[in-house]
C-alpha atoms as a PDB file:
ATOM      1  CA  MET A   1       0.000   0.000   0.000  1.00  0.00           C
ATOM      2  CA  TYR A   2       2.308   2.804   1.293  1.00  0.00           C
ATOM      3  CA  GLN A   3       6.098   2.865   1.409  1.00  0.00           C
ATOM      4  CA  LEU A   4       7.583   6.105   2.755  1.00  0.00           C
ATOM      5  CA  THR A   5      11.310   6.583   2.327  1.00  0.00           C
ATOM      6  CA  ASP A   6      13.354   9.355   4.000  1.00  0.00           C
ATOM      7  CA  LEU A   7      10.355  11.700   3.930  1.00  0.00           C
ATOM      8  CA  LYS A   8      11.144  15.305   4.849  1.00  0.00           C
ATOM      9  CA  LYS A   9       9.021  18.427   4.992  1.00  0.00           C
ATOM     10  CA  ASP A  10      10.277  21.923   5.782  1.00  0.00           C
ATOM     11  CA  TYR A  11       8.185  25.050   6.318  1.00  0.00           C
ATOM     12  CA  GLN A  12       9.284  28.649   6.510  1.00  0.00           C
ATOM     13  CA  LYS A  13       7.939  30.508   9.530  1.00  0.00           C
ATOM     14  CA  GLY A  14       9.282  34.002   9.215  1.00  0.00           C
ATOM     15  CA  ARG A  15      13.049  33.641   9.131  1.00  0.00           C
ATOM     16  CA  THR A  16      12.902  30.235  10.797  1.00  0.00           C
ATOM     17  CA  THR A  17      12.828  26.903   8.971  1.00  0.00           C
ATOM     18  CA  VAL A  18      10.532  24.398  10.659  1.00  0.00           C
ATOM     19  CA  HIS A  19      11.517  20.777  10.035  1.00  0.00           C
ATOM     20  CA  ALA A  20       8.050  19.205  10.309  1.00  0.00           C
ATOM     21  CA  LEU A  21       9.178  15.786   9.044  1.00  0.00           C
ATOM     22  CA  GLN A  22      12.767  14.629   9.439  1.00  0.00           C
ATOM     23  CA  GLY A  23      13.458  11.505   7.436  1.00  0.00           C
ATOM     24  CA  VAL A  24      10.324   9.441   8.101  1.00  0.00           C
ATOM     25  CA  ASN A  25      10.499   5.817   6.924  1.00  0.00           C
ATOM     26  CA  LEU A  26       7.277   3.842   7.129  1.00  0.00           C
ATOM     27  CA  GLU A  27       5.510   0.924   5.486  1.00  0.00           C
ATOM     28  CA  ILE A  28       1.721   0.630   5.778  1.00  0.00           C
ATOM     29  CA  SER A  29       0.241  -2.643   4.598  1.00  0.00           C
ATOM     30  CA  ASP A  30      -3.040  -3.025   2.741  1.00  0.00           C
ATOM     31  CA  GLY A  31      -5.848  -3.296   5.304  1.00  0.00           C
ATOM     32  CA  GLU A  32      -3.740  -2.167   8.271  1.00  0.00           C
ATOM     33  CA  TRP A  33      -4.871   0.165  11.056  1.00  0.00           C
ATOM     34  CA  LEU A  34      -2.150   2.521  12.295  1.00  0.00           C
ATOM     35  CA  SER A  35      -2.617   5.128  15.029  1.00  0.00           C
ATOM     36  CA  ILE A  36      -0.193   8.034  15.386  1.00  0.00           C
ATOM     37  CA  GLN A  37       0.322   9.920  18.649  1.00  0.00           C
ATOM     38  CA  GLY A  38       2.675  12.656  19.747  1.00  0.00           C
ATOM     39  CA  PRO A  39       2.868  16.225  21.073  1.00  0.00           C
ATOM     40  CA  THR A  40       1.156  19.058  19.229  1.00  0.00           C
ATOM     41  CA  GLY A  41       3.314  20.546  16.499  1.00  0.00           C
ATOM     42  CA  HIS A  42       5.609  17.543  16.069  1.00  0.00           C
ATOM     43  CA  GLY A  43       4.468  16.431  12.601  1.00  0.00           C
ATOM     44  CA  LYS A  44       1.425  14.150  13.040  1.00  0.00           C
ATOM     45  CA  SER A  45      -0.988  16.104  10.858  1.00  0.00           C
ATOM     46  CA  THR A  46       1.768  16.908   8.366  1.00  0.00           C
ATOM     47  CA  LEU A  47       2.383  13.189   7.887  1.00  0.00           C
ATOM     48  CA  LEU A  48      -1.346  12.571   7.407  1.00  0.00           C
ATOM     49  CA  GLN A  49      -1.472  15.317   4.770  1.00  0.00           C
ATOM     50  CA  MET A  50       1.359  13.617   2.894  1.00  0.00           C
ATOM     51  CA  LEU A  51      -0.464  10.294   2.931  1.00  0.00           C
ATOM     52  CA  GLY A  52      -3.602  11.972   1.590  1.00  0.00           C
ATOM     53  CA  GLY A  53      -1.856  13.901  -1.176  1.00  0.00           C
ATOM     54  CA  LEU A  54      -2.890  17.193   0.434  1.00  0.00           C
ATOM     55  CA  ASP A  55       0.695  18.451   0.559  1.00  0.00           C
ATOM     56  CA  ARG A  56       4.027  17.547  -1.025  1.00  0.00           C
ATOM     57  CA  PRO A  57       7.260  16.717   0.784  1.00  0.00           C
ATOM     58  CA  THR A  58      10.437  18.733   0.528  1.00  0.00           C
ATOM     59  CA  SER A  59      12.200  15.469  -0.345  1.00  0.00           C
ATOM     60  CA  GLY A  60      11.684  11.733  -0.107  1.00  0.00           C
ATOM     61  CA  VAL A  61       9.318   9.153  -1.571  1.00  0.00           C
ATOM     62  CA  ILE A  62       5.627   8.473  -0.909  1.00  0.00           C
ATOM     63  CA  ASP A  63       5.027   5.251  -2.801  1.00  0.00           C
ATOM     64  CA  PHE A  64       1.350   4.295  -3.044  1.00  0.00           C
ATOM     65  CA  ASP A  65       0.762   1.025  -4.879  1.00  0.00           C
ATOM     66  CA  GLY A  66       3.844   1.598  -7.032  1.00  0.00           C
ATOM     67  CA  SER A  67       3.391   5.312  -7.782  1.00  0.00           C
ATOM     68  CA  ASP A  68       5.268   8.127  -6.045  1.00  0.00           C
ATOM     69  CA  LEU A  69       2.769  10.764  -4.878  1.00  0.00           C
ATOM     70  CA  ALA A  70       5.643  13.208  -4.400  1.00  0.00           C
ATOM     71  CA  GLN A  71       6.408  13.159  -8.136  1.00  0.00           C
ATOM     72  CA  MET A  72       2.868  12.964  -9.539  1.00  0.00           C
ATOM     73  CA  ARG A  73       1.392  15.763 -11.582  1.00  0.00           C
ATOM     74  CA  GLU A  74      -1.267  17.695  -9.694  1.00  0.00           C
ATOM     75  CA  THR A  75      -4.044  16.298 -11.890  1.00  0.00           C
ATOM     76  CA  ARG A  76      -3.065  12.747 -10.952  1.00  0.00           C
ATOM     77  CA  VAL A  77      -2.792  13.624  -7.251  1.00  0.00           C
ATOM     78  CA  THR A  78      -6.294  15.110  -7.444  1.00  0.00           C
ATOM     79  CA  GLN A  79      -7.524  11.895  -9.046  1.00  0.00           C
ATOM     80  CA  PHE A  80      -5.809   9.864  -6.328  1.00  0.00           C
ATOM     81  CA  ARG A  81      -7.563  11.881  -3.615  1.00  0.00           C
ATOM     82  CA  ALA A  82     -10.901  11.594  -5.364  1.00  0.00           C
ATOM     83  CA  GLU A  83     -10.736   7.837  -5.937  1.00  0.00           C
ATOM     84  CA  SER A  84      -8.584   6.296  -3.226  1.00  0.00           C
ATOM     85  CA  VAL A  85      -8.697   8.365  -0.036  1.00  0.00           C
ATOM     86  CA  GLY A  86     -11.397   9.364   2.435  1.00  0.00           C
ATOM     87  CA  ILE A  87     -10.483  11.966   5.060  1.00  0.00           C
ATOM     88  CA  ILE A  88     -12.163  12.695   8.404  1.00  0.00           C
ATOM     89  CA  PHE A  89     -11.328  15.851  10.366  1.00  0.00           C
ATOM     90  CA  GLN A  90     -11.758  16.777  14.026  1.00  0.00           C
ATOM     91  CA  THR A  91     -13.916  19.798  13.171  1.00  0.00           C
ATOM     92  CA  PHE A  92     -16.184  17.841  10.789  1.00  0.00           C
ATOM     93  CA  ASN A  93     -15.853  20.502   7.992  1.00  0.00           C
ATOM     94  CA  LEU A  94     -19.447  20.054   6.881  1.00  0.00           C
ATOM     95  CA  VAL A  95     -20.793  22.472   4.275  1.00  0.00           C
ATOM     96  CA  PRO A  96     -24.221  23.960   5.103  1.00  0.00           C
ATOM     97  CA  SER A  97     -25.727  23.228   1.674  1.00  0.00           C
ATOM     98  CA  ARG A  98     -27.026  20.268  -0.302  1.00  0.00           C
ATOM     99  CA  VAL A  99     -25.813  18.726  -3.566  1.00  0.00           C
ATOM    100  CA  HIS A 100     -28.532  18.357  -6.202  1.00  0.00           C
ATOM    101  CA  ALA A 101     -26.958  15.883  -8.642  1.00  0.00           C
ATOM    102  CA  ALA A 102     -29.245  12.842  -8.585  1.00  0.00           C
ATOM    103  CA  GLU A 103     -26.563  10.129  -8.511  1.00  0.00           C
ATOM    104  CA  ARG A 104     -24.548  11.800  -5.776  1.00  0.00           C
ATOM    105  CA  ARG A 105     -27.708  12.392  -3.735  1.00  0.00           C
ATOM    106  CA  ALA A 106     -28.676   8.748  -4.035  1.00  0.00           C
ATOM    107  CA  LYS A 107     -25.245   7.534  -2.869  1.00  0.00           C
ATOM    108  CA  ALA A 108     -25.184  10.043  -0.027  1.00  0.00           C
ATOM    109  CA  LYS A 109     -28.698   9.052   1.067  1.00  0.00           C
ATOM    110  CA  ALA A 110     -27.827   5.339   1.120  1.00  0.00           C
ATOM    111  CA  THR A 111     -24.630   5.944   3.074  1.00  0.00           C
ATOM    112  CA  LEU A 112     -26.272   8.220   5.633  1.00  0.00           C
ATOM    113  CA  GLU A 113     -29.109   5.756   6.165  1.00  0.00           C
ATOM    114  CA  SER A 114     -26.608   2.950   6.741  1.00  0.00           C
ATOM    115  CA  LEU A 115     -24.969   5.021   9.486  1.00  0.00           C
ATOM    116  CA  GLY A 116     -28.267   5.661  11.273  1.00  0.00           C
ATOM    117  CA  LEU A 117     -28.846   9.162   9.906  1.00  0.00           C
ATOM    118  CA  GLY A 118     -31.759   8.490   7.574  1.00  0.00           C
ATOM    119  CA  GLU A 119     -34.045  10.789   9.538  1.00  0.00           C
ATOM    120  CA  ARG A 120     -31.514  13.626   9.334  1.00  0.00           C
ATOM    121  CA  LEU A 121     -31.211  13.869   5.555  1.00  0.00           C
ATOM    122  CA  ARG A 122     -32.755  17.342   5.377  1.00  0.00           C
ATOM    123  CA  HIS A 123     -31.005  18.747   8.433  1.00  0.00           C
ATOM    124  CA  LEU A 124     -28.202  21.303   8.300  1.00  0.00           C
ATOM    125  CA  PRO A 125     -24.935  20.789  10.242  1.00  0.00           C
ATOM    126  CA  SER A 126     -26.040  23.279  12.901  1.00  0.00           C
ATOM    127  CA  GLU A 127     -29.064  21.060  13.602  1.00  0.00           C
ATOM    128  CA  LEU A 128     -26.949  17.983  14.377  1.00  0.00           C
ATOM    129  CA  SER A 129     -25.122  16.929  17.537  1.00  0.00           C
ATOM    130  CA  GLY A 130     -21.334  16.535  17.505  1.00  0.00           C
ATOM    131  CA  GLY A 131     -21.625  12.762  17.180  1.00  0.00           C
ATOM    132  CA  GLN A 132     -24.137  13.073  14.332  1.00  0.00           C
ATOM    133  CA  GLN A 133     -21.909  15.565  12.532  1.00  0.00           C
ATOM    134  CA  GLN A 134     -18.969  13.179  12.802  1.00  0.00           C
ATOM    135  CA  ARG A 135     -21.124  10.347  11.414  1.00  0.00           C
ATOM    136  CA  VAL A 136     -21.938  12.583   8.438  1.00  0.00           C
ATOM    137  CA  ALA A 137     -18.215  13.287   8.013  1.00  0.00           C
ATOM    138  CA  ILE A 138     -17.564   9.523   8.024  1.00  0.00           C
ATOM    139  CA  ALA A 139     -20.327   9.031   5.453  1.00  0.00           C
ATOM    140  CA  ARG A 140     -18.774  11.715   3.250  1.00  0.00           C
ATOM    141  CA  ALA A 141     -15.383   9.988   3.464  1.00  0.00           C
ATOM    142  CA  LEU A 142     -16.823   6.554   2.650  1.00  0.00           C
ATOM    143  CA  VAL A 143     -19.358   7.362  -0.061  1.00  0.00           C
ATOM    144  CA  LYS A 144     -16.729   7.049  -2.804  1.00  0.00           C
ATOM    145  CA  GLN A 145     -15.592   3.628  -1.515  1.00  0.00           C
ATOM    146  CA  PRO A 146     -11.953   4.569  -0.805  1.00  0.00           C
ATOM    147  CA  LYS A 147      -9.056   2.210  -0.220  1.00  0.00           C
ATOM    148  CA  VAL A 148      -7.633   4.417   2.543  1.00  0.00           C
ATOM    149  CA  LEU A 149      -9.338   6.205   5.425  1.00  0.00           C
ATOM    150  CA  LEU A 150      -7.327   8.997   7.086  1.00  0.00           C
ATOM    151  CA  ALA A 151      -8.657  10.472  10.335  1.00  0.00           C
ATOM    152  CA  ASP A 152      -7.194  13.533  12.055  1.00  0.00           C
ATOM    153  CA  GLU A 153      -8.366  13.609  15.705  1.00  0.00           C
ATOM    154  CA  PRO A 154     -11.835  12.290  14.720  1.00  0.00           C
ATOM    155  CA  THR A 155     -12.981  12.113  18.376  1.00  0.00           C
ATOM    156  CA  GLY A 156     -11.218  15.208  19.672  1.00  0.00           C
ATOM    157  CA  ASN A 157     -14.412  17.293  20.012  1.00  0.00           C
ATOM    158  CA  LEU A 158     -16.600  14.514  21.413  1.00  0.00           C
ATOM    159  CA  ASP A 159     -17.488  13.417  24.931  1.00  0.00           C
ATOM    160  CA  GLU A 160     -16.322  10.000  26.134  1.00  0.00           C
ATOM    161  CA  GLY A 161     -19.554   8.157  25.349  1.00  0.00           C
ATOM    162  CA  THR A 162     -19.845   9.603  21.838  1.00  0.00           C
ATOM    163  CA  ARG A 163     -16.132   8.967  21.291  1.00  0.00           C
ATOM    164  CA  ASP A 164     -16.649   5.278  21.954  1.00  0.00           C
ATOM    165  CA  GLU A 165     -19.664   5.149  19.599  1.00  0.00           C
ATOM    166  CA  ILE A 166     -17.664   6.740  16.777  1.00  0.00           C
ATOM    167  CA  MET A 167     -14.678   4.461  17.362  1.00  0.00           C
ATOM    168  CA  ASN A 168     -16.915   1.373  17.414  1.00  0.00           C
ATOM    169  CA  LEU A 169     -18.343   2.505  14.073  1.00  0.00           C
ATOM    170  CA  LEU A 170     -14.918   3.133  12.546  1.00  0.00           C
ATOM    171  CA  GLU A 171     -13.680  -0.255  13.722  1.00  0.00           C
ATOM    172  CA  GLN A 172     -16.730  -1.995  12.250  1.00  0.00           C
ATOM    173  CA  LEU A 173     -16.168  -0.316   8.900  1.00  0.00           C
ATOM    174  CA  TRP A 174     -12.435  -1.066   8.954  1.00  0.00           C
ATOM    175  CA  ARG A 175     -13.045  -4.750   9.637  1.00  0.00           C
ATOM    176  CA  GLU A 176     -15.936  -5.207   7.221  1.00  0.00           C
ATOM    177  CA  TYR A 177     -14.410  -3.404   4.235  1.00  0.00           C
ATOM    178  CA  SER A 178     -10.708  -4.107   4.827  1.00  0.00           C
ATOM    179  CA  LEU A 179      -9.913  -0.405   4.805  1.00  0.00           C
ATOM    180  CA  THR A 180      -6.388   0.813   5.360  1.00  0.00           C
ATOM    181  CA  MET A 181      -6.840   3.275   8.238  1.00  0.00           C
ATOM    182  CA  VAL A 182      -4.403   5.838   9.626  1.00  0.00           C
ATOM    183  CA  LEU A 183      -5.684   7.738  12.639  1.00  0.00           C
ATOM    184  CA  VAL A 184      -4.023  10.676  14.404  1.00  0.00           C
ATOM    185  CA  THR A 185      -5.087  11.043  18.035  1.00  0.00           C
ATOM    186  CA  HIS A 186      -4.026  12.435  21.404  1.00  0.00           C
ATOM    187  CA  ASP A 187      -6.272   9.903  23.126  1.00  0.00           C
ATOM    188  CA  SER A 188      -4.399   6.776  24.234  1.00  0.00           C
ATOM    189  CA  THR A 189      -7.692   4.898  24.647  1.00  0.00           C
ATOM    190  CA  VAL A 190      -8.395   5.475  20.954  1.00  0.00           C
ATOM    191  CA  ALA A 191      -4.821   4.753  19.852  1.00  0.00           C
ATOM    192  CA  ARG A 192      -4.659   1.407  21.646  1.00  0.00           C
ATOM    193  CA  ARG A 193      -7.438   0.013  19.468  1.00  0.00           C
ATOM    194  CA  ALA A 194      -5.144   0.035  16.419  1.00  0.00           C
ATOM    195  CA  GLN A 195      -2.794  -2.729  15.288  1.00  0.00           C
ATOM    196  CA  ARG A 196       0.193  -0.402  15.445  1.00  0.00           C
ATOM    197  CA  ILE A 197       0.914   2.779  17.349  1.00  0.00           C
ATOM    198  CA  GLY A 198       3.480   5.218  16.018  1.00  0.00           C
ATOM    199  CA  ILE A 199       4.904   8.127  18.011  1.00  0.00           C
ATOM    200  CA  MET A 200       5.789  11.381  16.249  1.00  0.00           C
ATOM    201  CA  GLN A 201       8.321  13.525  18.079  1.00  0.00           C
ATOM    202  CA  ASN A 202      10.384  16.340  16.588  1.00  0.00           C
ATOM    203  CA  GLY A 203       9.380  15.243  13.106  1.00  0.00           C
ATOM    204  CA  LYS A 204      10.561  11.666  13.555  1.00  0.00           C
ATOM    205  CA  LEU A 205       8.417   8.544  13.749  1.00  0.00           C
ATOM    206  CA  SER A 206       9.000   5.508  15.939  1.00  0.00           C
ATOM    207  CA  ILE A 207       6.775   2.460  16.406  1.00  0.00           C
ATOM    208  CA  LYS A 208       5.648   1.981  20.004  1.00  0.00           C
ATOM    209  CA  GLN A 209       3.359  -1.021  19.595  1.00  0.00           C
ATOM    210  CA  ASP A 210       2.843  -3.622  16.858  1.00  0.00           C
ATOM    211  CA  THR A 211       0.120  -6.258  17.192  1.00  0.00           C
ATOM    212  CA  ARG A 212      -0.531  -6.955  13.521  1.00  0.00           C
ATOM    213  CA  THR A 213      -0.491 -10.717  14.104  1.00  0.00           C
ATOM    214  CA  GLN A 214      -3.542 -10.243  16.365  1.00  0.00           C
ATOM    215  CA  PRO A 215      -6.958  -8.646  15.759  1.00  0.00           C
ATOM    216  CA  ALA A 216      -7.257  -4.980  16.647  1.00  0.00           C
ATOM    217  CA  ALA A 217      -8.276  -4.369  20.259  1.00  0.00           C
ATOM    218  CA  GLN A 218     -12.003  -4.761  20.775  1.00  0.00           C
ATOM    219  CA  ALA A 219     -13.767  -2.117  22.847  1.00  0.00           C
ATOM    220  CA  PRO A 220     -15.228  -3.421  26.105  1.00  0.00           C
ATOM    221  CA  GLY A 221     -18.797  -4.608  25.610  1.00  0.00           C
ATOM    222  CA  THR A 222     -18.602  -4.564  21.817  1.00  0.00           C
ATOM    223  CA  PRO A 223     -19.385  -7.986  20.260  1.00  0.00           C
ATOM    224  CA  ALA A 224     -16.739  -8.995  17.730  1.00  0.00           C
ATOM    225  CA  ALA A 225     -19.375 -10.574  15.530  1.00  0.00           C
ATOM    226  CA  GLU A 226     -21.635  -7.525  15.456  1.00  0.00           C
ATOM    227  CA  SER A 227     -22.769  -6.885  11.909  1.00  0.00           C
ATOM    228  CA  ALA A 228     -21.383  -3.761  10.306  1.00  0.00           C
ATOM    229  CA  PRO A 229     -23.450  -1.113   8.534  1.00  0.00           C
ATOM    230  CA  THR A 230     -23.403  -1.170   4.748  1.00  0.00           C
ATOM    231  CA  PRO A 231     -22.281   2.291   3.590  1.00  0.00           C
ATOM    232  CA  PHE A 232     -21.792   1.444  -0.070  1.00  0.00           C
END
């Protein structure tokens, strides 16, 4: 799936050069769930942006299924984002308007209904709770049937109970559809559910935990055999 080699990213902040990524090397297998933790400002979100084709590195390789995202033309990177990657943000980033194209509406309706939001189809973001807004954000990320799901602090604005509901949903979807999932979080309870935990510090990545030979951690009280929703 992904093979990152000596990935570096520098930003200019006034007269100072910020080394956001300092030689990151990482392999992410097809269908793997990786969580990334670390202090604020140490490169977690920057790494996620690289994986999603939202930004380009200063140097290094981002190999995705044999193609280097760092060297792709912008039109191909846009196609990659449109076809292969779903992204979930902490702040939901929902647009307070509706799309009128019939096919897109039909897909969106089916996905929202599968996530328990069928009765909210005509509601605006301001009329939804935080958990409902995050479910809509998940639906938006999944409606195009991506190979990769990237989540940047997806439970950061939620209370503990809603956090667990959202994580149970994400885990169901990951298991059922063999998604490759990379999740940035400050919450150790969330991170521990992944197969691997990486720690970003000063722009460098180290692996703290690797349980890929075992199933991902199951949340207490969540049946492993529980049927997953059908978003597609």
